[in-house]
Amino acid sequence: MTIAHPRIGMDRYIDAEWMALAAGVVRGEMTQEALRERIANEVPGTEVRRKVIGILNRMWQPADSAGQELARQAAELVARSEGDRLAAFEAVAIGAYPYFRQVVENVGRLMRLQGTCTAGEVHRRMFEQYGKRTTIDQATSYGFKTMVSWGMIQRQPDQRLAPATAQQVSAAARKVLDAAANRSRHSVSPLASTDPILFPFS
């Protein structure tokens, strides 16, 4: 019997600046074509560019009405504080990609327990959930790089992963994170203050 592996989806590095530009498209301040041109100038390789645009569109231009409303609210947050911008990025990412949410959860749990963690510790937990495959190893590494760019974590000189400076979030941003987590987890419960998804926030 063939086992169907769960879909990863978010399997490329996504820079914070690209996220901010994609939010600008949602707000009507930038065209989709201008975003594509920017990505084309910064990302080598046609296939990689295609995947990056696809990931951004899945996060910021979802097909369903609930996802569109989440993206609209998140896009408005991006222009506010650093904390709200980070909350917006995380919200649309975990809302669209359960895999990325699980990477964040595993990083958050380990950091809450230990203060820092190694990439290997997170990789092992992702392998336990998805199987030990090269694609899982690569996608998790892209997740780390993305989280560094967004200001969620930082790499220490010994390459351990540590929390970046904790950010404050507004009530509106917390509401968007709640909605995104429920969308990803198929839940209706608000996030508890100890939820690993919230580890980047004070």
N, C-alpha and C. Protein backbone atom coordinates (compact mmCIF):
# COMPACT_ATOMS: atom_id res chain seq x y z
N MET A 1 0.84 -1.19 0.00
CA MET A 1 0.00 0.00 0.00
C MET A 1 0.88 1.24 0.00
N THR A 2 0.56 2.21 -0.84
CA THR A 2 1.32 3.45 -0.93
C THR A 2 0.87 4.42 0.16
N ILE A 3 1.83 4.98 0.89
CA ILE A 3 1.54 5.94 1.94
C ILE A 3 1.65 7.35 1.37
N ALA A 4 0.62 8.14 1.51
CA ALA A 4 0.62 9.52 1.03
C ALA A 4 1.25 10.42 2.09
N HIS A 5 2.37 11.00 1.74
CA HIS A 5 3.03 11.91 2.68
C HIS A 5 2.28 13.24 2.74
N PRO A 6 2.23 13.87 3.89
CA PRO A 6 1.57 15.18 4.00
C PRO A 6 2.25 16.21 3.11
N ARG A 7 1.48 17.16 2.59
CA ARG A 7 1.99 18.19 1.70
C ARG A 7 2.76 19.23 2.50
N ILE A 8 3.95 19.58 2.02
CA ILE A 8 4.77 20.57 2.71
C ILE A 8 4.35 21.97 2.29
N GLY A 9 4.33 22.21 0.99
CA GLY A 9 3.87 23.50 0.48
C GLY A 9 4.90 24.60 0.60
N MET A 10 5.13 25.08 1.81
CA MET A 10 6.06 26.19 2.02
C MET A 10 7.48 25.64 2.11
N ASP A 11 8.05 25.39 0.94
CA ASP A 11 9.35 24.71 0.88
C ASP A 11 10.43 25.58 0.25
N ARG A 12 10.30 26.88 0.44
CA ARG A 12 11.31 27.82 -0.03
C ARG A 12 11.47 28.92 1.01
N TYR A 13 12.62 29.57 1.01
CA TYR A 13 12.85 30.73 1.87
C TYR A 13 12.00 31.89 1.39
N ILE A 14 11.36 32.57 2.34
CA ILE A 14 10.52 33.72 2.00
C ILE A 14 11.02 34.92 2.80
N ASP A 15 11.57 35.89 2.12
CA ASP A 15 12.17 37.06 2.75
C ASP A 15 11.11 38.00 3.31
N ALA A 16 11.44 38.68 4.40
CA ALA A 16 10.51 39.62 5.03
C ALA A 16 10.10 40.73 4.07
N GLU A 17 11.02 41.20 3.26
CA GLU A 17 10.70 42.29 2.34
C GLU A 17 9.68 41.84 1.29
N TRP A 18 9.80 40.59 0.83
CA TRP A 18 8.81 40.08 -0.12
C TRP A 18 7.42 40.00 0.52
N MET A 19 7.40 39.62 1.80
CA MET A 19 6.13 39.55 2.51
C MET A 19 5.49 40.95 2.60
N ALA A 20 6.31 41.94 2.90
CA ALA A 20 5.79 43.30 3.02
C ALA A 20 5.26 43.79 1.68
N LEU A 21 5.95 43.45 0.60
CA LEU A 21 5.50 43.85 -0.73
C LEU A 21 4.19 43.16 -1.09
N ALA A 22 4.09 41.87 -0.77
CA ALA A 22 2.86 41.12 -1.05
C ALA A 22 1.69 41.69 -0.26
N ALA A 23 1.96 42.14 0.97
CA ALA A 23 0.90 42.79 1.76
C ALA A 23 0.48 44.09 1.08
N GLY A 24 1.43 44.77 0.47
CA GLY A 24 1.12 45.99 -0.27
C GLY A 24 0.20 45.73 -1.45
N VAL A 25 0.37 44.58 -2.08
CA VAL A 25 -0.53 44.19 -3.18
C VAL A 25 -1.95 44.04 -2.64
N VAL A 26 -2.10 43.39 -1.49
CA VAL A 26 -3.42 43.21 -0.88
C VAL A 26 -4.05 44.56 -0.56
N ARG A 27 -3.25 45.52 -0.11
CA ARG A 27 -3.77 46.85 0.23
C ARG A 27 -4.00 47.71 -1.01
N GLY A 28 -3.62 47.23 -2.17
CA GLY A 28 -3.81 47.98 -3.40
C GLY A 28 -2.75 49.01 -3.67
N GLU A 29 -1.61 48.91 -2.99
CA GLU A 29 -0.54 49.89 -3.13
C GLU A 29 0.52 49.45 -4.14
N MET A 30 0.41 48.22 -4.61
CA MET A 30 1.38 47.66 -5.54
C MET A 30 0.65 46.65 -6.42
N THR A 31 1.07 46.51 -7.66
CA THR A 31 0.44 45.53 -8.55
C THR A 31 1.12 44.17 -8.41
N GLN A 32 0.39 43.14 -8.78
CA GLN A 32 0.97 41.80 -8.78
C GLN A 32 2.14 41.71 -9.75
N GLU A 33 2.03 42.41 -10.86
CA GLU A 33 3.11 42.40 -11.85
C GLU A 33 4.38 43.04 -11.28
N ALA A 34 4.23 44.12 -10.54
CA ALA A 34 5.39 44.77 -9.93
C ALA A 34 6.05 43.84 -8.90
N LEU A 35 5.24 43.09 -8.16
CA LEU A 35 5.80 42.12 -7.22
C LEU A 35 6.57 41.05 -7.97
N ARG A 36 6.02 40.55 -9.05
CA ARG A 36 6.71 39.53 -9.84
C ARG A 36 8.05 40.05 -10.37
N GLU A 37 8.06 41.29 -10.81
CA GLU A 37 9.30 41.88 -11.32
C GLU A 37 10.34 41.98 -10.21
N ARG A 38 9.91 42.37 -9.02
CA ARG A 38 10.84 42.47 -7.89
C ARG A 38 11.43 41.10 -7.55
N ILE A 39 10.59 40.09 -7.51
CA ILE A 39 11.06 38.73 -7.22
C ILE A 39 12.02 38.26 -8.32
N ALA A 40 11.69 38.58 -9.57
CA ALA A 40 12.54 38.17 -10.70
C ALA A 40 13.93 38.77 -10.59
N ASN A 41 14.02 39.99 -10.05
CA ASN A 41 15.31 40.66 -9.91
C ASN A 41 16.15 40.08 -8.77
N GLU A 42 15.48 39.45 -7.80
CA GLU A 42 16.19 39.00 -6.59
C GLU A 42 16.35 37.48 -6.48
N VAL A 43 15.57 36.74 -7.23
CA VAL A 43 15.59 35.28 -7.09
C VAL A 43 16.08 34.65 -8.39
N PRO A 44 17.23 33.99 -8.36
CA PRO A 44 17.72 33.35 -9.57
C PRO A 44 16.98 32.04 -9.84
N GLY A 45 16.75 31.75 -11.10
CA GLY A 45 16.14 30.48 -11.46
C GLY A 45 14.63 30.59 -11.63
N THR A 46 14.15 30.25 -12.83
CA THR A 46 12.73 30.36 -13.15
C THR A 46 11.87 29.53 -12.23
N GLU A 47 12.27 28.30 -11.94
CA GLU A 47 11.47 27.39 -11.12
C GLU A 47 11.38 27.89 -9.68
N VAL A 48 12.49 28.37 -9.13
CA VAL A 48 12.48 28.89 -7.77
C VAL A 48 11.60 30.12 -7.69
N ARG A 49 11.71 31.02 -8.67
CA ARG A 49 10.85 32.21 -8.69
C ARG A 49 9.38 31.82 -8.72
N ARG A 50 9.05 30.83 -9.54
CA ARG A 50 7.67 30.37 -9.64
C ARG A 50 7.16 29.88 -8.29
N LYS A 51 8.00 29.14 -7.58
CA LYS A 51 7.59 28.61 -6.28
C LYS A 51 7.43 29.72 -5.24
N VAL A 52 8.35 30.68 -5.25
CA VAL A 52 8.26 31.79 -4.30
C VAL A 52 6.98 32.57 -4.52
N ILE A 53 6.67 32.90 -5.78
CA ILE A 53 5.43 33.62 -6.09
C ILE A 53 4.22 32.79 -5.68
N GLY A 54 4.29 31.49 -5.92
CA GLY A 54 3.18 30.62 -5.55
C GLY A 54 2.94 30.61 -4.04
N ILE A 55 4.02 30.58 -3.26
CA ILE A 55 3.90 30.59 -1.80
C ILE A 55 3.32 31.92 -1.33
N LEU A 56 3.82 33.02 -1.86
CA LEU A 56 3.30 34.34 -1.48
C LEU A 56 1.82 34.46 -1.82
N ASN A 57 1.43 33.97 -2.99
CA ASN A 57 0.03 34.04 -3.39
C ASN A 57 -0.86 33.18 -2.51
N ARG A 58 -0.37 32.01 -2.13
CA ARG A 58 -1.18 31.14 -1.27
C ARG A 58 -1.42 31.80 0.09
N MET A 59 -0.42 32.53 0.58
CA MET A 59 -0.56 33.20 1.86
C MET A 59 -1.42 34.45 1.77
N TRP A 60 -1.16 35.28 0.75
CA TRP A 60 -1.77 36.61 0.68
C TRP A 60 -2.95 36.72 -0.27
N GLN A 61 -3.13 35.74 -1.16
CA GLN A 61 -4.23 35.77 -2.12
C GLN A 61 -4.99 34.43 -2.10
N PRO A 62 -5.45 33.98 -0.94
CA PRO A 62 -6.13 32.68 -0.87
C PRO A 62 -7.44 32.70 -1.65
N ALA A 63 -7.90 31.51 -2.02
CA ALA A 63 -9.09 31.42 -2.86
C ALA A 63 -10.38 31.56 -2.06
N ASP A 64 -10.38 31.17 -0.79
CA ASP A 64 -11.60 31.17 0.00
C ASP A 64 -11.82 32.51 0.69
N SER A 65 -13.08 32.82 0.99
CA SER A 65 -13.42 34.13 1.54
C SER A 65 -12.85 34.35 2.94
N ALA A 66 -12.83 33.27 3.78
CA ALA A 66 -12.27 33.42 5.13
C ALA A 66 -10.78 33.72 5.06
N GLY A 67 -10.07 33.04 4.16
CA GLY A 67 -8.65 33.30 3.99
C GLY A 67 -8.38 34.69 3.45
N GLN A 68 -9.23 35.16 2.56
CA GLN A 68 -9.07 36.50 2.01
C GLN A 68 -9.26 37.57 3.09
N GLU A 69 -10.23 37.35 3.97
CA GLU A 69 -10.45 38.31 5.05
C GLU A 69 -9.27 38.32 6.02
N LEU A 70 -8.73 37.13 6.31
CA LEU A 70 -7.55 37.04 7.17
C LEU A 70 -6.38 37.79 6.55
N ALA A 71 -6.15 37.60 5.24
CA ALA A 71 -5.06 38.28 4.56
C ALA A 71 -5.27 39.78 4.54
N ARG A 72 -6.52 40.22 4.36
CA ARG A 72 -6.81 41.65 4.34
C ARG A 72 -6.48 42.28 5.70
N GLN A 73 -6.91 41.64 6.77
CA GLN A 73 -6.64 42.16 8.10
C GLN A 73 -5.14 42.15 8.40
N ALA A 74 -4.46 41.07 7.99
CA ALA A 74 -3.02 40.98 8.22
C ALA A 74 -2.27 42.07 7.44
N ALA A 75 -2.69 42.33 6.21
CA ALA A 75 -2.03 43.34 5.38
C ALA A 75 -2.11 44.71 6.02
N GLU A 76 -3.22 45.01 6.68
CA GLU A 76 -3.36 46.29 7.36
C GLU A 76 -2.41 46.40 8.55
N LEU A 77 -2.10 45.27 9.18
CA LEU A 77 -1.21 45.26 10.35
C LEU A 77 0.25 45.53 9.98
N VAL A 78 0.63 45.17 8.75
CA VAL A 78 2.04 45.22 8.35
C VAL A 78 2.62 46.63 8.46
N ALA A 79 1.79 47.63 8.20
CA ALA A 79 2.28 49.02 8.22
C ALA A 79 2.31 49.63 9.61
N ARG A 80 1.95 48.87 10.63
CA ARG A 80 1.91 49.41 11.99
C ARG A 80 3.26 49.17 12.68
N SER A 81 3.26 48.52 13.82
CA SER A 81 4.50 48.31 14.58
C SER A 81 5.25 47.08 14.09
N GLU A 82 6.50 46.92 14.54
CA GLU A 82 7.28 45.74 14.20
C GLU A 82 6.59 44.47 14.70
N GLY A 83 6.02 44.54 15.91
CA GLY A 83 5.33 43.38 16.46
C GLY A 83 4.12 42.99 15.65
N ASP A 84 3.33 43.98 15.22
CA ASP A 84 2.15 43.69 14.42
C ASP A 84 2.54 43.15 13.05
N ARG A 85 3.63 43.68 12.50
CA ARG A 85 4.10 43.17 11.20
C ARG A 85 4.49 41.71 11.32
N LEU A 86 5.23 41.35 12.36
CA LEU A 86 5.61 39.97 12.56
C LEU A 86 4.39 39.09 12.77
N ALA A 87 3.43 39.57 13.56
CA ALA A 87 2.20 38.80 13.78
C ALA A 87 1.47 38.57 12.46
N ALA A 88 1.44 39.59 11.60
CA ALA A 88 0.78 39.46 10.30
C ALA A 88 1.46 38.41 9.44
N PHE A 89 2.80 38.46 9.39
CA PHE A 89 3.54 37.48 8.60
C PHE A 89 3.27 36.06 9.09
N GLU A 90 3.37 35.89 10.42
CA GLU A 90 3.16 34.55 10.98
C GLU A 90 1.73 34.09 10.74
N ALA A 91 0.77 35.00 10.86
CA ALA A 91 -0.63 34.62 10.71
C ALA A 91 -0.93 34.07 9.32
N VAL A 92 -0.52 34.81 8.27
CA VAL A 92 -0.85 34.32 6.93
C VAL A 92 -0.08 33.06 6.59
N ALA A 93 1.13 32.92 7.17
CA ALA A 93 1.94 31.72 6.90
C ALA A 93 1.34 30.48 7.54
N ILE A 94 0.98 30.57 8.83
CA ILE A 94 0.45 29.39 9.49
C ILE A 94 -0.98 29.11 9.02
N GLY A 95 -1.68 30.16 8.60
CA GLY A 95 -3.02 29.94 8.08
C GLY A 95 -3.02 29.17 6.77
N ALA A 96 -1.99 29.39 5.96
CA ALA A 96 -1.90 28.73 4.66
C ALA A 96 -1.10 27.44 4.68
N TYR A 97 -0.15 27.33 5.60
CA TYR A 97 0.78 26.20 5.60
C TYR A 97 0.91 25.55 6.97
N PRO A 98 0.16 24.48 7.22
CA PRO A 98 0.29 23.75 8.49
C PRO A 98 1.72 23.28 8.77
N TYR A 99 2.48 22.98 7.72
CA TYR A 99 3.86 22.53 7.93
C TYR A 99 4.67 23.62 8.61
N PHE A 100 4.57 24.84 8.12
CA PHE A 100 5.30 25.94 8.73
C PHE A 100 4.84 26.14 10.16
N ARG A 101 3.54 26.02 10.41
CA ARG A 101 3.04 26.14 11.78
C ARG A 101 3.70 25.12 12.69
N GLN A 102 3.88 23.91 12.22
CA GLN A 102 4.47 22.87 13.05
C GLN A 102 5.94 23.14 13.32
N VAL A 103 6.65 23.72 12.35
CA VAL A 103 8.04 24.13 12.60
C VAL A 103 8.06 25.18 13.70
N VAL A 104 7.20 26.18 13.59
CA VAL A 104 7.12 27.24 14.60
C VAL A 104 6.78 26.65 15.97
N GLU A 105 5.83 25.74 16.01
CA GLU A 105 5.43 25.13 17.27
C GLU A 105 6.59 24.38 17.92
N ASN A 106 7.32 23.62 17.12
CA ASN A 106 8.44 22.86 17.68
C ASN A 106 9.55 23.78 18.17
N VAL A 107 9.86 24.83 17.40
CA VAL A 107 10.85 25.81 17.86
C VAL A 107 10.36 26.47 19.15
N GLY A 108 9.10 26.88 19.15
CA GLY A 108 8.55 27.56 20.32
C GLY A 108 8.58 26.70 21.57
N ARG A 109 8.20 25.43 21.45
CA ARG A 109 8.21 24.53 22.61
C ARG A 109 9.61 24.38 23.17
N LEU A 110 10.58 24.16 22.28
CA LEU A 110 11.95 23.95 22.73
C LEU A 110 12.52 25.21 23.38
N MET A 111 12.19 26.36 22.82
CA MET A 111 12.71 27.60 23.41
C MET A 111 12.05 27.91 24.74
N ARG A 112 10.79 27.57 24.88
CA ARG A 112 10.13 27.78 26.16
C ARG A 112 10.74 26.85 27.23
N LEU A 113 11.16 25.66 26.82
CA LEU A 113 11.73 24.70 27.76
C LEU A 113 13.19 24.97 28.07
N GLN A 114 13.95 25.35 27.03
CA GLN A 114 15.41 25.38 27.15
C GLN A 114 16.03 26.77 26.98
N GLY A 115 15.26 27.70 26.45
CA GLY A 115 15.80 29.02 26.15
C GLY A 115 16.33 29.12 24.73
N THR A 116 17.06 28.10 24.28
CA THR A 116 17.55 28.01 22.91
C THR A 116 17.36 26.56 22.45
N CYS A 117 17.67 26.31 21.18
CA CYS A 117 17.62 24.92 20.69
C CYS A 117 18.56 24.79 19.51
N THR A 118 18.82 23.57 19.13
CA THR A 118 19.62 23.33 17.92
C THR A 118 18.69 23.04 16.76
N ALA A 119 19.19 23.28 15.56
CA ALA A 119 18.41 22.94 14.38
C ALA A 119 18.11 21.44 14.36
N GLY A 120 19.07 20.63 14.79
CA GLY A 120 18.89 19.19 14.80
C GLY A 120 17.73 18.73 15.66
N GLU A 121 17.51 19.41 16.78
CA GLU A 121 16.40 19.04 17.66
C GLU A 121 15.06 19.25 16.94
N VAL A 122 14.97 20.33 16.20
CA VAL A 122 13.73 20.60 15.47
C VAL A 122 13.58 19.64 14.30
N HIS A 123 14.67 19.40 13.59
CA HIS A 123 14.63 18.45 12.47
C HIS A 123 14.12 17.08 12.95
N ARG A 124 14.61 16.62 14.07
CA ARG A 124 14.18 15.31 14.57
C ARG A 124 12.68 15.27 14.83
N ARG A 125 12.14 16.35 15.36
CA ARG A 125 10.70 16.38 15.63
C ARG A 125 9.90 16.44 14.34
N MET A 126 10.41 17.12 13.33
CA MET A 126 9.72 17.15 12.04
C MET A 126 9.81 15.79 11.34
N PHE A 127 10.94 15.11 11.49
CA PHE A 127 11.07 13.76 10.92
C PHE A 127 10.07 12.81 11.57
N GLU A 128 9.87 12.97 12.88
CA GLU A 128 8.91 12.11 13.59
C GLU A 128 7.49 12.33 13.07
N GLN A 129 7.18 13.54 12.66
CA GLN A 129 5.85 13.86 12.19
C GLN A 129 5.65 13.53 10.72
N TYR A 130 6.69 13.70 9.91
CA TYR A 130 6.54 13.60 8.46
C TYR A 130 7.37 12.50 7.80
N GLY A 131 8.24 11.85 8.58
CA GLY A 131 9.14 10.86 7.98
C GLY A 131 10.47 11.49 7.63
N LYS A 132 11.53 10.67 7.67
CA LYS A 132 12.87 11.20 7.40
C LYS A 132 13.11 11.23 5.90
N ARG A 133 12.88 12.39 5.33
CA ARG A 133 13.05 12.60 3.90
C ARG A 133 13.87 13.86 3.65
N THR A 134 14.58 13.89 2.52
CA THR A 134 15.39 15.06 2.17
C THR A 134 14.53 16.29 2.06
N THR A 135 13.32 16.15 1.49
CA THR A 135 12.45 17.31 1.33
C THR A 135 12.06 17.91 2.68
N ILE A 136 11.90 17.06 3.70
CA ILE A 136 11.56 17.54 5.04
C ILE A 136 12.74 18.31 5.63
N ASP A 137 13.93 17.76 5.47
CA ASP A 137 15.15 18.42 5.95
C ASP A 137 15.29 19.80 5.32
N GLN A 138 15.10 19.88 4.00
CA GLN A 138 15.27 21.14 3.29
C GLN A 138 14.19 22.15 3.69
N ALA A 139 12.93 21.69 3.74
CA ALA A 139 11.83 22.60 4.06
C ALA A 139 11.98 23.17 5.46
N THR A 140 12.44 22.35 6.41
CA THR A 140 12.63 22.84 7.77
C THR A 140 13.75 23.87 7.83
N SER A 141 14.81 23.62 7.08
CA SER A 141 15.91 24.59 7.02
C SER A 141 15.45 25.91 6.40
N TYR A 142 14.65 25.85 5.35
CA TYR A 142 14.09 27.07 4.76
C TYR A 142 13.20 27.78 5.79
N GLY A 143 12.50 26.99 6.60
CA GLY A 143 11.68 27.58 7.66
C GLY A 143 12.52 28.39 8.63
N PHE A 144 13.67 27.84 9.05
CA PHE A 144 14.57 28.57 9.95
C PHE A 144 15.02 29.89 9.33
N LYS A 145 15.46 29.82 8.07
CA LYS A 145 15.97 31.01 7.39
C LYS A 145 14.88 32.07 7.27
N THR A 146 13.67 31.62 6.98
CA THR A 146 12.53 32.53 6.89
C THR A 146 12.26 33.18 8.24
N MET A 147 12.28 32.39 9.31
CA MET A 147 12.02 32.91 10.65
C MET A 147 13.08 33.91 11.09
N VAL A 148 14.32 33.71 10.67
CA VAL A 148 15.38 34.68 10.97
C VAL A 148 15.09 35.99 10.26
N SER A 149 14.73 35.92 8.96
CA SER A 149 14.45 37.12 8.18
C SER A 149 13.28 37.90 8.76
N TRP A 150 12.28 37.20 9.27
CA TRP A 150 11.09 37.86 9.81
C TRP A 150 11.30 38.41 11.22
N GLY A 151 12.42 38.06 11.85
CA GLY A 151 12.68 38.54 13.20
C GLY A 151 12.05 37.69 14.29
N MET A 152 11.83 36.40 14.00
CA MET A 152 11.28 35.48 15.00
C MET A 152 12.40 34.85 15.83
N ILE A 153 13.48 34.49 15.17
CA ILE A 153 14.61 33.84 15.83
C ILE A 153 15.91 34.44 15.32
N GLN A 154 17.01 34.12 16.01
CA GLN A 154 18.34 34.51 15.55
C GLN A 154 19.29 33.35 15.76
N ARG A 155 20.32 33.31 14.95
CA ARG A 155 21.35 32.26 15.08
C ARG A 155 22.48 32.79 15.94
N GLN A 156 22.84 32.02 16.94
CA GLN A 156 23.95 32.40 17.81
C GLN A 156 25.27 32.01 17.16
N PRO A 157 26.40 32.51 17.66
CA PRO A 157 27.70 32.15 17.08
C PRO A 157 27.95 30.64 17.02
N ASP A 158 27.38 29.89 17.98
CA ASP A 158 27.55 28.43 17.96
C ASP A 158 26.49 27.75 17.12
N GLN A 159 25.71 28.56 16.35
CA GLN A 159 24.66 28.10 15.44
C GLN A 159 23.40 27.59 16.14
N ARG A 160 23.32 27.74 17.47
CA ARG A 160 22.05 27.42 18.13
C ARG A 160 21.01 28.48 17.74
N LEU A 161 19.76 28.09 17.77
CA LEU A 161 18.67 29.00 17.47
C LEU A 161 18.18 29.62 18.78
N ALA A 162 18.02 30.92 18.79
CA ALA A 162 17.58 31.63 19.99
C ALA A 162 16.46 32.58 19.60
N PRO A 163 15.60 32.94 20.54
CA PRO A 163 14.55 33.92 20.22
C PRO A 163 15.17 35.26 19.86
N ALA A 164 14.56 35.94 18.90
CA ALA A 164 14.94 37.33 18.64
C ALA A 164 14.30 38.20 19.73
N THR A 165 14.50 39.48 19.66
CA THR A 165 13.90 40.37 20.65
C THR A 165 12.39 40.21 20.65
N ALA A 166 11.81 39.95 21.81
CA ALA A 166 10.37 39.74 21.92
C ALA A 166 9.62 41.01 21.51
N GLN A 167 8.57 40.82 20.72
CA GLN A 167 7.81 41.95 20.21
C GLN A 167 6.46 42.06 20.91
N GLN A 168 5.98 43.28 21.06
CA GLN A 168 4.64 43.50 21.58
C GLN A 168 3.65 43.51 20.42
N VAL A 169 2.44 43.02 20.67
CA VAL A 169 1.42 43.00 19.63
C VAL A 169 0.15 43.69 20.14
N SER A 170 -0.55 44.28 19.21
CA SER A 170 -1.81 44.93 19.55
C SER A 170 -2.91 43.88 19.69
N ALA A 171 -4.03 44.31 20.24
CA ALA A 171 -5.18 43.42 20.36
C ALA A 171 -5.66 42.96 18.99
N ALA A 172 -5.59 43.84 17.99
CA ALA A 172 -6.00 43.48 16.64
C ALA A 172 -5.10 42.40 16.06
N ALA A 173 -3.79 42.52 16.31
CA ALA A 173 -2.84 41.52 15.80
C ALA A 173 -3.05 40.18 16.48
N ARG A 174 -3.30 40.21 17.78
CA ARG A 174 -3.55 38.96 18.50
C ARG A 174 -4.81 38.28 17.97
N LYS A 175 -5.82 39.06 17.63
CA LYS A 175 -7.05 38.50 17.08
C LYS A 175 -6.79 37.81 15.74
N VAL A 176 -5.94 38.42 14.91
CA VAL A 176 -5.60 37.82 13.62
C VAL A 176 -4.81 36.52 13.82
N LEU A 177 -3.89 36.51 14.79
CA LEU A 177 -3.16 35.29 15.09
C LEU A 177 -4.09 34.19 15.57
N ASP A 178 -5.06 34.53 16.41
CA ASP A 178 -6.05 33.56 16.87
C ASP A 178 -6.79 32.94 15.68
N ALA A 179 -7.24 33.80 14.77
CA ALA A 179 -7.98 33.33 13.61
C ALA A 179 -7.12 32.42 12.73
N ALA A 180 -5.85 32.80 12.56
CA ALA A 180 -4.94 32.00 11.73
C ALA A 180 -4.66 30.63 12.36
N ALA A 181 -4.45 30.62 13.67
CA ALA A 181 -4.19 29.35 14.35
C ALA A 181 -5.40 28.44 14.26
N ASN A 182 -6.59 29.00 14.43
CA ASN A 182 -7.80 28.19 14.32
C ASN A 182 -7.99 27.67 12.90
N ARG A 183 -7.65 28.49 11.93
CA ARG A 183 -7.73 28.06 10.52
C ARG A 183 -6.79 26.89 10.26
N SER A 184 -5.59 26.99 10.80
CA SER A 184 -4.59 25.94 10.58
C SER A 184 -4.88 24.67 11.36
N ARG A 185 -5.37 24.84 12.59
CA ARG A 185 -5.58 23.69 13.48
C ARG A 185 -7.01 23.15 13.42
N HIS A 186 -7.87 23.78 12.64
CA HIS A 186 -9.28 23.40 12.58
C HIS A 186 -9.88 23.45 13.98
N SER A 187 -9.65 24.58 14.64
CA SER A 187 -10.06 24.77 16.02
C SER A 187 -10.90 26.04 16.14
N VAL A 188 -11.45 26.26 17.33
CA VAL A 188 -12.21 27.49 17.57
C VAL A 188 -11.76 28.16 18.87
N SER A 189 -10.68 27.70 19.43
CA SER A 189 -10.23 28.19 20.74
C SER A 189 -9.21 29.31 20.57
N PRO A 190 -9.31 30.36 21.39
CA PRO A 190 -8.28 31.41 21.36
C PRO A 190 -6.95 30.87 21.86
N LEU A 191 -5.88 31.47 21.41
CA LEU A 191 -4.55 31.02 21.81
C LEU A 191 -4.31 31.31 23.29
N ALA A 192 -3.82 30.31 24.00
CA ALA A 192 -3.39 30.53 25.39
C ALA A 192 -2.08 31.30 25.36
N SER A 193 -1.79 32.02 26.43
CA SER A 193 -0.56 32.82 26.48
C SER A 193 0.69 31.97 26.37
N THR A 194 0.58 30.69 26.73
CA THR A 194 1.73 29.78 26.68
C THR A 194 1.83 29.02 25.35
N ASP A 195 0.96 29.31 24.41
CA ASP A 195 0.98 28.59 23.13
C ASP A 195 2.32 28.82 22.44
N PRO A 196 2.95 27.76 21.91
CA PRO A 196 4.27 27.93 21.28
C PRO A 196 4.25 28.84 20.08
N ILE A 197 3.10 29.01 19.45
CA ILE A 197 3.00 29.92 18.31
C ILE A 197 3.34 31.36 18.72
N LEU A 198 3.11 31.67 19.97
CA LEU A 198 3.31 33.03 20.46
C LEU A 198 4.71 33.28 21.02
N PHE A 199 5.64 32.35 20.85
CA PHE A 199 6.95 32.51 21.48
C PHE A 199 7.70 33.80 21.05
N PRO A 200 7.45 34.35 19.83
CA PRO A 200 8.21 35.57 19.49
C PRO A 200 7.69 36.83 20.17
N PHE A 201 6.59 36.72 20.92
CA PHE A 201 5.94 37.92 21.43
C PHE A 201 6.02 38.00 22.94
N SER A 202 6.07 39.22 23.46
CA SER A 202 6.14 39.43 24.89
C SER A 202 4.72 39.45 25.47
